[in-house]
């Protein structure tokens, strides 16, 4: 019997002139967690689609349980026991948990009449496989991302899954939810199921994986046991360059605060929050989901309520009732969900960059000076090394890191006093993450006042000269300098 559940050798795939996969070798052992890692555009998604039968390989061999697979289709992949849980989870948000769990089995069996008792039995059987308890009649659209993940896993197990592929499963999860997911992953692994875990998060990969395959530019540059790899080596294989944590050292902090928040309250969200922010500072605001950190940011940008307390800018009290008013007050906000809140994905890169500056480019009759728009946007493309050869292309053509640079460019094209970054590197790979951090450091040392809101404690520690911690809607701790460590923050949060 083969040592590997899945083995792929010499896999090639081209899309026109693009060599997406170049002689890739890949293997997954049964009862192990294999992490497939690599920066955006490295070929991970293409490899998964070949495994699941969505794409056909141009060259190479595939073996499953030691047997050659000459032509694989999505139906054949399911029959073999290969299940893919994509980022969007492929759920029906308007249906119940029970219906989401049972519907695929019913369709596969060719049944045309709904039998609620049978559906409930199927759903309970699925949940029992990982000991997961949830209301079968809850609407999927009302569940947290973590609960949706677990329902998707249970659904995969109904098809006698031997290999479960999880595509960036922790992107929208809190640390507590990640811990719960990892507990389930280990349970599945210990039962003999192979897990293929796609991620670019260093800490998570070293925590959960037994084996790792790292891809770069369509090739696999490392394959082996995770314990044989150092974190420094991992970063090098991922990016092709040596990266080190570059801690923020402020060099240009103003004497007077640019922003003063006193006893700010949004009933039911947070209360009695007070802090100051000076130009040249990067202030971190952290806490668990539900701590009030994001709601505080929304209030500062005119998207959330203020039921009490005051906000002052440059010593003058202000009321921020809308994002337009916030922009006039020279405040910018980069949201955590750039895809739905920060970008117009089907619009050109140039239009996205200049979106908050259109007034500057508008003629008297309301028409836009398009030549100037593209000239200005190309300046930002060059300044931030946004990976595109044409700013006319849609924003959707770019990787997550480059999309985030667009959102930053959009606000930095304005003359800001305060920039609020909510989860600035969520879904961004290691190389782009370092680039964004370096950019934020540079902006702060040029005199911009920056707020970083994040539950990524490593990001907070590296980038902030001062940190405030929120819990249950209240400010419960503050630290500066050498006191800013992950352990110190966790001691307050827990």
Protein backbone atom coordinates (compact mmCIF):
# COMPACT_ATOMS: atom_id res chain seq x y z
CA UNK A 1 0.00 0.00 0.00
CA UNK A 2 1.25 3.49 -0.90
CA UNK A 3 2.63 5.75 1.81
CA UNK A 4 0.56 8.57 0.29
CA UNK A 5 -3.16 9.04 -0.03
CA UNK A 6 -2.66 11.53 -2.87
CA UNK A 7 0.48 11.80 -4.98
CA UNK A 8 1.02 14.17 -7.90
CA UNK A 9 4.19 14.22 -10.01
CA UNK A 10 5.32 16.55 -12.79
CA UNK A 11 2.05 18.50 -12.91
CA UNK A 12 1.94 21.20 -15.59
CA UNK A 13 -0.83 23.65 -16.40
CA UNK A 14 -0.86 26.58 -18.81
CA UNK A 15 -3.46 29.26 -19.46
CA UNK A 16 -2.46 30.77 -22.78
CA UNK A 17 1.01 32.21 -22.26
CA UNK A 18 0.85 31.89 -18.46
CA UNK A 19 2.63 28.87 -16.96
CA UNK A 20 0.47 28.47 -13.87
CA UNK A 21 2.01 25.16 -12.70
CA UNK A 22 5.51 24.13 -13.71
CA UNK A 23 6.52 20.52 -13.00
CA UNK A 24 4.88 20.46 -9.55
CA UNK A 25 5.29 17.46 -7.25
CA UNK A 26 2.86 17.18 -4.37
CA UNK A 27 1.84 14.48 -1.89
CA UNK A 28 -0.53 14.11 1.06
CA UNK A 29 -0.21 11.37 3.70
CA UNK A 30 -3.32 9.79 5.26
CA UNK A 31 -4.05 10.94 8.81
CA UNK A 32 -1.83 14.02 8.42
CA UNK A 33 -2.35 17.74 8.02
CA UNK A 34 -0.59 19.03 4.91
CA UNK A 35 -0.33 22.81 4.58
CA UNK A 36 -0.14 24.18 1.06
CA UNK A 37 1.40 27.61 1.38
CA UNK A 38 2.43 30.37 -0.96
CA UNK A 39 1.78 33.98 -1.79
CA UNK A 40 -1.22 35.00 -3.89
CA UNK A 41 -0.78 33.98 -7.52
CA UNK A 42 1.73 31.22 -6.79
CA UNK A 43 -0.50 28.44 -8.20
CA UNK A 44 -2.22 27.08 -5.07
CA UNK A 45 -5.76 27.52 -6.40
CA UNK A 46 -4.87 25.98 -9.75
CA UNK A 47 -3.42 22.90 -8.03
CA UNK A 48 -6.55 22.49 -5.88
CA UNK A 49 -8.79 22.76 -8.94
CA UNK A 50 -6.82 20.00 -10.65
CA UNK A 51 -7.12 17.79 -7.57
CA UNK A 52 -10.89 18.41 -7.40
CA UNK A 53 -11.46 17.91 -11.14
CA UNK A 54 -12.37 21.50 -12.02
CA UNK A 55 -9.27 21.86 -14.23
CA UNK A 56 -7.56 19.21 -16.37
CA UNK A 57 -3.78 18.96 -16.09
CA UNK A 58 -1.69 19.45 -19.23
CA UNK A 59 0.96 16.98 -18.08
CA UNK A 60 1.90 14.86 -15.07
CA UNK A 61 0.59 11.89 -13.10
CA UNK A 62 -1.95 11.67 -10.25
CA UNK A 63 -2.30 8.69 -7.89
CA UNK A 64 -4.97 8.28 -5.23
CA UNK A 65 -4.55 5.44 -2.73
CA UNK A 66 -1.81 4.12 -5.00
CA UNK A 67 -4.03 3.90 -8.08
CA UNK A 68 -3.42 6.10 -11.16
CA UNK A 69 -6.12 8.63 -11.97
CA UNK A 70 -6.15 9.31 -15.69
CA UNK A 71 -9.06 11.74 -15.90
CA UNK A 72 -10.64 13.28 -12.84
CA UNK A 73 -13.95 15.16 -12.77
CA UNK A 74 -15.66 16.85 -9.80
CA UNK A 75 -18.02 13.87 -9.53
CA UNK A 76 -15.11 11.41 -9.63
CA UNK A 77 -13.24 13.43 -6.99
CA UNK A 78 -16.28 13.22 -4.69
CA UNK A 79 -16.59 9.47 -5.32
CA UNK A 80 -12.92 9.02 -4.36
CA UNK A 81 -13.50 10.90 -1.09
CA UNK A 82 -12.03 14.30 -2.00
CA UNK A 83 -13.97 17.24 -0.56
CA UNK A 84 -13.09 20.93 -0.95
CA UNK A 85 -14.33 23.59 1.48
CA UNK A 86 -13.84 26.90 -0.31
CA UNK A 87 -13.60 30.33 1.32
CA UNK A 88 -17.21 31.12 0.42
CA UNK A 89 -18.18 27.73 1.96
CA UNK A 90 -20.69 27.09 -0.89
CA UNK A 91 -23.66 27.23 1.45
CA UNK A 92 -27.30 28.22 0.94
CA UNK A 93 -27.71 31.14 3.39
CA UNK A 94 -31.51 31.16 3.05
CA UNK A 95 -31.81 27.47 4.03
CA UNK A 96 -31.55 25.89 7.48
CA UNK A 97 -28.58 23.96 8.85
CA UNK A 98 -30.52 20.72 8.31
CA UNK A 99 -31.32 21.55 4.70
CA UNK A 100 -27.72 22.53 3.94
CA UNK A 101 -26.45 19.27 5.41
CA UNK A 102 -28.97 16.97 3.73
CA UNK A 103 -29.63 18.47 0.33
CA UNK A 104 -26.51 17.18 -1.44
CA UNK A 105 -27.13 13.63 -0.23
CA UNK A 106 -30.74 13.82 -1.42
CA UNK A 107 -29.71 15.05 -4.87
CA UNK A 108 -26.96 12.43 -5.16
CA UNK A 109 -29.47 9.71 -4.26
CA UNK A 110 -31.85 11.03 -6.93
CA UNK A 111 -34.70 11.60 -4.46
CA UNK A 112 -37.48 13.98 -5.54
CA UNK A 113 -39.75 13.96 -2.48
CA UNK A 114 -38.78 15.74 0.73
CA UNK A 115 -38.86 13.53 3.83
CA UNK A 116 -38.19 15.77 6.83
CA UNK A 117 -37.56 12.85 9.16
CA UNK A 118 -34.89 11.45 6.82
CA UNK A 119 -33.34 14.89 6.35
CA UNK A 120 -33.13 15.40 10.11
CA UNK A 121 -31.55 11.97 10.56
CA UNK A 122 -28.95 12.77 7.87
CA UNK A 123 -28.14 16.11 9.49
CA UNK A 124 -27.77 14.63 12.97
CA UNK A 125 -25.52 11.91 11.63
CA UNK A 126 -23.30 14.57 10.00
CA UNK A 127 -23.05 16.66 13.17
CA UNK A 128 -22.29 13.61 15.31
CA UNK A 129 -19.15 12.87 13.29
CA UNK A 130 -17.33 15.71 15.07
CA UNK A 131 -19.58 15.98 18.12
CA UNK A 132 -20.91 19.35 17.00
CA UNK A 133 -24.18 20.61 18.48
CA UNK A 134 -26.23 23.32 16.76
CA UNK A 135 -29.88 24.13 16.12
CA UNK A 136 -30.83 22.21 12.96
CA UNK A 137 -33.50 24.79 12.11
CA UNK A 138 -31.23 27.85 12.37
CA UNK A 139 -30.79 29.74 9.10
CA UNK A 140 -27.25 29.40 7.76
CA UNK A 141 -27.12 33.09 6.92
CA UNK A 142 -27.59 33.91 10.63
CA UNK A 143 -24.61 31.83 11.80
CA UNK A 144 -21.09 33.05 12.54
CA UNK A 145 -18.36 32.26 10.02
CA UNK A 146 -16.94 29.71 12.48
CA UNK A 147 -20.25 27.84 12.72
CA UNK A 148 -20.62 27.89 8.94
CA UNK A 149 -17.14 26.34 8.67
CA UNK A 150 -18.09 23.50 11.00
CA UNK A 151 -21.35 22.83 9.14
CA UNK A 152 -19.37 22.67 5.88
CA UNK A 153 -16.95 20.17 7.46
CA UNK A 154 -19.85 18.01 8.68
CA UNK A 155 -21.36 18.07 5.20
CA UNK A 156 -18.05 16.91 3.70
CA UNK A 157 -17.94 13.97 6.11
CA UNK A 158 -21.32 12.71 4.84
CA UNK A 159 -19.56 11.69 1.63
CA UNK A 160 -17.02 9.46 3.42
CA UNK A 161 -14.30 12.04 2.91
CA UNK A 162 -10.74 10.73 2.89
CA UNK A 163 -9.16 14.07 1.94
CA UNK A 164 -10.66 17.39 3.05
CA UNK A 165 -9.20 20.51 1.43
CA UNK A 166 -9.72 23.74 3.38
CA UNK A 167 -9.09 26.94 1.44
CA UNK A 168 -7.90 29.74 3.76
CA UNK A 169 -10.35 28.61 6.49
CA UNK A 170 -9.23 31.07 9.17
CA UNK A 171 -9.39 34.32 7.18
CA UNK A 172 -12.51 35.67 8.95
CA UNK A 173 -12.14 33.88 12.31
CA UNK A 174 -11.13 35.23 15.70
CA UNK A 175 -8.33 33.55 17.66
CA UNK A 176 -10.86 31.72 19.83
CA UNK A 177 -12.68 30.43 16.74
CA UNK A 178 -9.40 29.38 15.13
CA UNK A 179 -8.57 27.35 18.24
CA UNK A 180 -11.96 25.60 18.00
CA UNK A 181 -11.44 24.88 14.29
CA UNK A 182 -7.97 23.46 14.93
CA UNK A 183 -9.40 21.18 17.60
CA UNK A 184 -11.77 19.77 14.98
CA UNK A 185 -8.97 19.46 12.40
CA UNK A 186 -6.87 17.44 14.86
CA UNK A 187 -9.87 15.24 15.63
CA UNK A 188 -10.33 14.52 11.91
CA UNK A 189 -6.62 13.85 11.47
CA UNK A 190 -6.57 11.42 14.38
CA UNK A 191 -9.49 9.54 12.82
CA UNK A 192 -7.35 8.90 9.72
CA UNK A 193 -8.67 11.65 7.43
CA UNK A 194 -6.06 13.63 5.51
CA UNK A 195 -6.41 17.42 5.71
CA UNK A 196 -5.01 19.77 3.09
CA UNK A 197 -4.89 23.20 4.72
CA UNK A 198 -4.27 26.20 2.47
CA UNK A 199 -2.83 29.20 4.27
CA UNK A 200 -0.11 31.83 4.27
CA UNK A 201 -0.22 32.53 8.03
CA UNK A 202 3.09 31.45 9.51
CA UNK A 203 1.98 30.92 13.09
CA UNK A 204 -1.03 28.81 12.11
CA UNK A 205 0.95 26.64 9.72
CA UNK A 206 3.51 25.77 12.38
CA UNK A 207 0.74 25.13 14.90
CA UNK A 208 -1.49 22.80 12.90
CA UNK A 209 0.49 21.11 10.10
CA UNK A 210 2.50 17.89 10.01
CA UNK A 211 3.80 18.48 6.48
CA UNK A 212 4.13 21.58 4.33
CA UNK A 213 4.46 22.29 0.62
CA UNK A 214 5.48 25.84 -0.31
CA UNK A 215 4.87 27.18 -3.81
CA UNK A 216 6.29 30.21 -5.56
CA UNK A 217 5.72 31.31 -9.17
CA UNK A 218 4.02 28.04 -10.12
CA UNK A 219 6.72 25.77 -8.70
CA UNK A 220 7.01 23.94 -5.40
CA UNK A 221 10.15 25.23 -3.72
CA UNK A 222 9.89 23.18 -0.51
CA UNK A 223 8.19 19.94 0.52
CA UNK A 224 8.74 18.12 3.79
CA UNK A 225 7.84 17.83 7.45
CA UNK A 226 6.99 21.12 9.11
CA UNK A 227 9.25 20.39 12.08
CA UNK A 228 12.26 20.38 9.74
CA UNK A 229 11.56 23.99 8.75
CA UNK A 230 12.37 27.17 10.67
CA UNK A 231 10.06 30.17 10.53
CA UNK A 232 12.83 32.18 8.90
CA UNK A 233 13.29 29.52 6.22
CA UNK A 234 9.53 29.40 5.71
CA UNK A 235 9.41 33.14 5.05
CA UNK A 236 12.31 32.91 2.62
CA UNK A 237 10.74 30.07 0.63
CA UNK A 238 7.41 31.95 0.52
CA UNK A 239 8.81 35.27 -0.70
CA UNK A 240 12.24 34.55 -2.15
CA UNK A 241 13.70 37.23 0.10
CA UNK A 242 14.95 37.58 3.66
CA UNK A 243 12.36 39.34 5.81
CA UNK A 244 12.77 40.42 9.41
CA UNK A 245 10.32 42.10 11.76
CA UNK A 246 10.88 45.83 11.45
CA UNK A 247 9.57 47.31 14.70
CA UNK A 248 8.14 50.79 14.48
CA UNK A 249 10.31 53.45 16.08
CA UNK A 250 8.57 56.86 16.10
CA UNK A 251 10.77 59.79 15.11
CA UNK A 252 8.33 62.65 14.67
CA UNK A 253 5.66 62.71 17.42
CA UNK A 254 3.91 66.07 17.81
CA UNK A 255 3.71 67.80 21.19
CA UNK A 256 -0.04 68.40 21.00
CA UNK A 257 -2.59 65.68 20.23
CA UNK A 258 -4.34 65.78 16.87
CA UNK A 259 -7.23 63.63 18.15
CA UNK A 260 -8.77 63.64 21.63
CA UNK A 261 -11.52 61.20 22.56
CA UNK A 262 -13.16 61.64 25.98
CA UNK A 263 -15.74 59.33 27.58
CA UNK A 264 -17.05 58.29 24.14
CA UNK A 265 -20.07 55.96 24.30
CA UNK A 266 -22.24 54.05 21.84
CA UNK A 267 -24.83 52.29 23.98
CA UNK A 268 -24.68 48.53 23.65
CA UNK A 269 -21.38 48.68 21.73
CA UNK A 270 -18.82 50.43 23.94
CA UNK A 271 -18.79 53.00 26.72
CA UNK A 272 -16.60 55.59 28.44
CA UNK A 273 -13.61 55.29 26.06
CA UNK A 274 -10.95 58.00 26.36
CA UNK A 275 -7.59 58.35 24.60
CA UNK A 276 -5.36 60.82 22.75
CA UNK A 277 -3.47 60.47 19.48
CA UNK A 278 -0.54 62.56 18.26
CA UNK A 279 0.85 63.04 14.79
CA UNK A 280 3.71 60.62 14.15
CA UNK A 281 2.17 57.93 16.37
CA UNK A 282 0.80 54.51 15.49
CA UNK A 283 -1.78 53.65 18.13
CA UNK A 284 -2.95 50.04 18.33
CA UNK A 285 -6.49 49.21 19.45
CA UNK A 286 -6.95 45.50 20.09
CA UNK A 287 -9.37 43.10 21.74
CA UNK A 288 -11.48 40.08 20.95
CA UNK A 289 -14.43 40.11 18.56
CA UNK A 290 -17.23 41.98 20.33
CA UNK A 291 -14.85 44.09 22.40
CA UNK A 292 -16.09 47.27 20.70
CA UNK A 293 -12.89 48.00 18.77
CA UNK A 294 -14.47 48.16 15.31
CA UNK A 295 -17.54 50.04 16.55
CA UNK A 296 -15.21 52.68 18.02
CA UNK A 297 -13.58 53.12 14.62
CA UNK A 298 -16.97 53.45 12.95
CA UNK A 299 -17.93 56.23 15.36
CA UNK A 300 -14.70 58.11 14.56
CA UNK A 301 -15.50 57.90 10.83
CA UNK A 302 -19.16 58.85 11.04
CA UNK A 303 -20.49 55.35 10.38
CA UNK A 304 -21.43 54.62 13.98
CA UNK A 305 -23.44 56.38 16.65
CA UNK A 306 -22.13 58.54 19.48
CA UNK A 307 -24.50 58.54 22.46
CA UNK A 308 -22.15 60.35 24.80
CA UNK A 309 -18.70 61.84 25.18
CA UNK A 310 -16.70 64.15 22.92
CA UNK A 311 -14.29 64.08 19.96
CA UNK A 312 -11.81 66.90 19.34
CA UNK A 313 -9.50 67.44 16.36
CA UNK A 314 -6.55 69.78 16.79
CA UNK A 315 -8.11 71.02 20.01
CA UNK A 316 -11.53 71.83 18.53
CA UNK A 317 -14.67 69.80 19.41
CA UNK A 318 -16.25 68.13 16.37
CA UNK A 319 -19.31 66.04 15.60
CA UNK A 320 -18.75 63.41 12.90
CA UNK A 321 -22.13 62.48 11.47
CA UNK A 322 -21.04 60.92 8.16
CA UNK A 323 -17.99 59.66 6.23
CA UNK A 324 -18.18 62.79 4.03
CA UNK A 325 -17.86 64.93 7.14
CA UNK A 326 -15.00 62.73 8.41
CA UNK A 327 -13.19 63.20 5.10
CA UNK A 328 -13.63 66.98 5.32
CA UNK A 329 -12.09 66.77 8.80
CA UNK A 330 -9.11 64.92 7.21
CA UNK A 331 -9.87 61.48 8.63
CA UNK A 332 -9.51 58.37 6.45
CA UNK A 333 -10.73 54.85 7.16
CA UNK A 334 -9.58 51.56 5.61
CA UNK A 335 -12.21 48.90 6.44
CA UNK A 336 -11.45 45.30 7.37
CA UNK A 337 -13.54 43.91 4.51
CA UNK A 338 -11.92 45.61 1.53
CA UNK A 339 -13.90 43.52 -0.99
CA UNK A 340 -17.36 44.77 0.01
CA UNK A 341 -16.54 48.02 1.81
CA UNK A 342 -13.26 49.33 0.40
CA UNK A 343 -13.24 48.57 -3.34
CA UNK A 344 -15.34 48.68 -6.48
CA UNK A 345 -13.99 45.39 -7.79
CA UNK A 346 -15.47 45.70 -11.28
CA UNK A 347 -14.12 49.21 -11.77
CA UNK A 348 -10.62 50.15 -13.01
CA UNK A 349 -7.73 50.32 -10.59
CA UNK A 350 -7.33 54.02 -11.43
CA UNK A 351 -10.96 54.81 -10.55
CA UNK A 352 -10.59 53.03 -7.21
CA UNK A 353 -7.42 54.95 -6.33
CA UNK A 354 -8.97 58.33 -7.16
CA UNK A 355 -12.45 57.58 -5.77
CA UNK A 356 -12.16 59.83 -2.72
CA UNK A 357 -10.49 62.61 -4.77
CA UNK A 358 -12.88 62.94 -7.71
CA UNK A 359 -13.86 66.46 -6.69
CA UNK A 360 -10.29 67.59 -7.42
CA UNK A 361 -10.54 66.16 -10.95
CA UNK A 362 -14.02 67.41 -11.84
CA UNK A 363 -14.56 70.24 -14.32
CA UNK A 364 -17.13 72.99 -13.83
CA UNK A 365 -19.78 71.11 -15.81
CA UNK A 366 -19.31 67.92 -13.78
CA UNK A 367 -17.13 65.99 -16.23
CA UNK A 368 -13.98 64.24 -15.01
CA UNK A 369 -10.49 64.97 -16.35
CA UNK A 370 -9.69 61.33 -17.19
CA UNK A 371 -6.14 61.92 -18.44
CA UNK A 372 -5.22 63.55 -15.14
CA UNK A 373 -7.04 60.78 -13.25
CA UNK A 374 -4.87 58.09 -14.83
CA UNK A 375 -1.69 60.15 -14.47
CA UNK A 376 -2.31 60.62 -10.75
CA UNK A 377 -3.31 56.99 -10.22
CA UNK A 378 -0.17 55.78 -12.00
CA UNK A 379 1.90 57.83 -9.55
CA UNK A 380 0.40 55.79 -6.69
CA UNK A 381 0.80 52.51 -8.61
CA UNK A 382 4.52 53.27 -8.88
CA UNK A 383 4.92 54.64 -5.37
CA UNK A 384 3.35 51.58 -3.72
CA UNK A 385 4.64 49.00 -6.24
CA UNK A 386 1.10 47.86 -7.07
CA UNK A 387 1.57 44.80 -9.30
CA UNK A 388 -0.24 45.80 -12.48
CA UNK A 389 0.83 46.74 -15.99
CA UNK A 390 -2.33 48.75 -16.67
CA UNK A 391 -4.39 50.90 -14.30
CA UNK A 392 -7.37 50.44 -16.66
CA UNK A 393 -7.70 46.84 -15.46
CA UNK A 394 -10.37 46.01 -12.89
CA UNK A 395 -9.38 45.92 -9.22
CA UNK A 396 -10.60 42.30 -9.12
CA UNK A 397 -7.56 41.23 -11.18
CA UNK A 398 -5.16 41.95 -8.32
CA UNK A 399 -4.05 39.90 -5.32
CA UNK A 400 -5.27 40.75 -1.81
CA UNK A 401 -2.10 42.64 -0.92
CA UNK A 402 -2.25 44.81 -4.03
CA UNK A 403 -5.96 45.47 -3.49
CA UNK A 404 -5.15 46.68 0.02
CA UNK A 405 -2.51 49.03 -1.41
CA UNK A 406 -5.24 50.49 -3.67
CA UNK A 407 -7.47 51.17 -0.65
CA UNK A 408 -4.55 52.85 1.13
CA UNK A 409 -3.71 54.90 -1.97
CA UNK A 410 -7.33 56.07 -2.20
CA UNK A 411 -7.06 57.74 1.19
CA UNK A 412 -3.46 58.90 1.02
CA UNK A 413 -4.27 60.85 -2.13
CA UNK A 414 -6.08 63.15 0.31
CA UNK A 415 -4.26 65.37 2.79
CA UNK A 416 -5.08 63.43 5.98
CA UNK A 417 -4.39 64.12 9.63
CA UNK A 418 -5.67 60.75 10.91
CA UNK A 419 -5.74 57.36 9.14
CA UNK A 420 -7.67 54.49 10.74
CA UNK A 421 -6.69 50.99 9.55
CA UNK A 422 -9.08 48.21 10.55
CA UNK A 423 -7.38 44.81 10.03
CA UNK A 424 -4.89 46.29 7.53
CA UNK A 425 -3.40 42.96 6.44
CA UNK A 426 -6.32 40.52 6.72
CA UNK A 427 -6.02 38.01 3.86
CA UNK A 428 -2.68 39.46 2.75
CA UNK A 429 0.39 37.28 2.18
CA UNK A 430 3.71 37.67 4.01
CA UNK A 431 5.56 39.77 1.44
CA UNK A 432 2.72 42.25 0.92
CA UNK A 433 2.16 42.38 4.69
CA UNK A 434 5.74 43.53 5.24
CA UNK A 435 5.42 46.09 2.44
CA UNK A 436 2.24 47.55 3.96
CA UNK A 437 3.79 47.71 7.43
CA UNK A 438 6.87 49.51 6.08
CA UNK A 439 4.61 51.97 4.25
CA UNK A 440 2.59 52.73 7.40
CA UNK A 441 5.81 53.29 9.39
CA UNK A 442 7.01 55.74 6.74
CA UNK A 443 3.71 57.63 6.75
CA UNK A 444 3.72 57.95 10.54
CA UNK A 445 7.28 59.27 10.55
CA UNK A 446 6.23 61.82 7.93
CA UNK A 447 3.68 63.14 10.46
CA UNK A 448 0.50 61.15 9.87
CA UNK A 449 -1.43 59.98 12.96
CA UNK A 450 -2.34 56.30 12.52
CA UNK A 451 -4.69 53.96 14.35
CA UNK A 452 -4.33 50.22 13.72
CA UNK A 453 -7.26 48.08 14.85
CA UNK A 454 -6.39 44.39 14.85
CA UNK A 455 -6.67 41.12 16.76
CA UNK A 456 -3.41 39.98 15.14
CA UNK A 457 -1.25 40.57 18.19
CA UNK A 458 2.03 40.11 16.30
CA UNK A 459 0.97 42.89 13.95
CA UNK A 460 0.07 45.16 16.87
CA UNK A 461 3.39 44.52 18.65
CA UNK A 462 5.54 45.18 15.57
CA UNK A 463 3.73 48.31 14.38
CA UNK A 464 2.51 50.30 17.37
CA UNK A 465 4.34 52.56 19.81
CA UNK A 466 1.26 52.60 22.06
CA UNK A 467 -1.57 50.09 22.50
CA UNK A 468 -4.97 50.26 24.18
CA UNK A 469 -6.89 47.07 24.93
CA UNK A 470 -10.68 46.79 24.85
CA UNK A 471 -12.85 44.13 26.45
CA UNK A 472 -16.65 43.94 26.63
CA UNK A 473 -16.98 47.48 25.30
CA UNK A 474 -14.57 49.07 27.76
CA UNK A 475 -10.97 50.23 27.66
CA UNK A 476 -9.23 47.89 30.12
CA UNK A 477 -5.54 48.50 29.56
CA UNK A 478 -2.88 50.65 27.93
CA UNK A 479 0.82 50.00 27.32
CA UNK A 480 3.77 51.66 25.64
CA UNK A 481 7.33 50.83 24.62
CA UNK A 482 8.84 47.58 25.86
CA UNK A 483 5.63 46.66 27.69
CA UNK A 484 3.93 46.02 24.34
CA UNK A 485 4.22 42.22 24.08
CA UNK A 486 1.79 39.51 23.02
CA UNK A 487 1.88 37.98 26.51
CA UNK A 488 1.08 41.29 28.21
CA UNK A 489 -1.84 41.92 25.85
CA UNK A 490 -3.18 38.38 26.34
CA UNK A 491 -2.98 38.78 30.13
CA UNK A 492 -5.40 41.71 29.83
CA UNK A 493 -7.71 40.21 27.21
CA UNK A 494 -8.22 36.86 28.98
